[in-house]
Amino acid sequence: MDIPQVNPNFETNVPGIFIAGELGGMGLIRKTASQGMQAIENIAKLKGSSNPYDVVIIGAGPAGLAATLGAMEKKLRFVTIEQEEALAAASSNIRATRSS
């Protein structure tokens, strides 16, 4: 499997696209959650565009949940999208949105 090229700030070789967690090759829950928060810290430095969202979080696994919480904490305009009904092995649903 090919792993995307990601710099230390979790930004891919496509500017503005950040990857944390399993997609970036990290499978450990604690590490992926940490990466989700770190990615949001870097994204928060870029906020202020005219886009409707500062960040779109794809996936509500450990990295996505951590990123969602980080986005809430940083007061970012965000949406979290998850294709499954259960998130990170929990039996709840999420379609979290926040816009300011």
Protein backbone atom coordinates (compact mmCIF):
# COMPACT_ATOMS: atom_id res chain seq x y z
CA MET A 1 0.00 0.00 0.00
CA ASP A 2 1.27 3.48 -0.87
CA ILE A 3 1.37 5.94 2.02
CA PRO A 4 0.83 9.64 1.18
CA GLN A 5 3.77 12.02 1.52
CA VAL A 6 3.21 14.04 4.71
CA ASN A 7 5.48 16.74 6.16
CA PRO A 8 6.09 17.18 9.93
CA ASN A 9 3.03 19.51 10.10
CA PHE A 10 0.86 16.69 8.62
CA GLU A 11 0.34 18.59 5.36
CA THR A 12 0.57 16.42 2.24
CA ASN A 13 2.37 17.23 -0.97
CA VAL A 14 -0.99 18.76 -2.00
CA PRO A 15 -1.06 22.17 -0.25
CA GLY A 16 -3.96 22.54 2.19
CA ILE A 17 -4.56 18.77 2.52
CA PHE A 18 -3.54 17.39 5.92
CA ILE A 19 -3.48 13.70 6.91
CA ALA A 20 -3.28 12.16 10.38
CA GLY A 21 -3.92 8.66 11.67
CA GLU A 22 -4.20 5.41 9.76
CA LEU A 23 -4.20 7.02 6.31
CA GLY A 24 -0.80 8.47 7.11
CA GLY A 25 0.51 5.07 8.15
CA MET A 26 0.03 5.33 11.91
CA GLY A 27 -2.18 2.63 13.41
CA LEU A 28 -1.73 3.13 17.16
CA ILE A 29 -4.80 4.79 18.70
CA ARG A 30 -2.90 7.05 21.10
CA LYS A 31 -0.53 8.22 18.35
CA THR A 32 -3.32 8.80 15.82
CA ALA A 33 -5.33 10.85 18.31
CA SER A 34 -2.23 12.90 19.05
CA GLN A 35 -1.66 13.40 15.31
CA GLY A 36 -5.26 14.58 14.87
CA MET A 37 -4.77 17.26 17.54
CA GLN A 38 -1.38 18.28 16.12
CA ALA A 39 -2.82 18.59 12.61
CA ILE A 40 -5.58 20.89 13.94
CA GLU A 41 -2.98 23.04 15.72
CA ASN A 42 -1.25 23.56 12.36
CA ILE A 43 -4.54 24.12 10.51
CA ALA A 44 -5.64 26.69 13.12
CA LYS A 45 -2.69 28.86 12.08
CA LEU A 46 -4.23 29.05 8.58
CA LYS A 47 -7.80 30.00 9.56
CA GLY A 48 -9.46 33.14 8.29
CA SER A 49 -10.14 32.27 4.66
CA SER A 50 -13.39 33.07 2.90
CA ASN A 51 -14.21 29.34 2.68
CA PRO A 52 -17.30 28.20 4.60
CA TYR A 53 -15.14 25.91 6.77
CA ASP A 54 -11.65 26.24 8.19
CA VAL A 55 -11.35 22.44 8.11
CA VAL A 56 -13.30 19.45 6.80
CA ILE A 57 -12.51 16.35 8.86
CA ILE A 58 -13.00 13.11 6.96
CA GLY A 59 -13.41 10.11 9.23
CA ALA A 60 -14.38 9.89 12.89
CA GLY A 61 -11.81 7.35 14.01
CA PRO A 62 -9.37 8.27 16.79
CA ALA A 63 -7.57 10.93 14.70
CA GLY A 64 -10.84 12.37 13.39
CA LEU A 65 -12.44 12.54 16.83
CA ALA A 66 -9.34 14.23 18.26
CA ALA A 67 -9.31 16.65 15.32
CA THR A 68 -13.01 17.40 15.89
CA LEU A 69 -12.40 18.16 19.56
CA GLY A 70 -9.37 20.26 18.64
CA ALA A 71 -11.41 22.19 16.07
CA MET A 72 -14.06 22.88 18.71
CA GLU A 73 -11.41 24.01 21.18
CA LYS A 74 -9.78 26.32 18.61
CA LYS A 75 -13.22 27.66 17.59
CA LEU A 76 -12.68 26.66 13.96
CA ARG A 77 -15.50 26.43 11.44
CA PHE A 78 -15.57 22.71 10.75
CA VAL A 79 -17.54 19.71 9.63
CA THR A 80 -16.78 16.08 10.51
CA ILE A 81 -17.96 13.43 8.06
CA GLU A 82 -18.08 9.69 8.85
CA GLN A 83 -19.40 6.98 6.55
CA GLU A 84 -20.01 4.38 9.27
CA GLU A 85 -22.72 4.46 11.90
CA ALA A 86 -20.28 3.54 14.68
CA LEU A 87 -17.28 5.71 15.42
CA ALA A 88 -13.97 4.57 16.78
CA ALA A 89 -15.58 1.36 18.04
CA ALA A 90 -18.29 3.30 19.92
CA SER A 91 -21.94 2.88 19.07
CA SER A 92 -22.98 6.46 18.44
CA ASN A 93 -23.48 8.53 15.32
CA ILE A 94 -21.77 11.76 14.36
CA ARG A 95 -22.51 14.43 11.86
CA ALA A 96 -20.86 17.19 13.84
CA THR A 97 -20.94 20.63 12.36
CA ARG A 98 -19.99 23.98 13.73
CA SER A 99 -19.88 27.26 11.95
CA SER A 100 -19.29 30.68 13.39
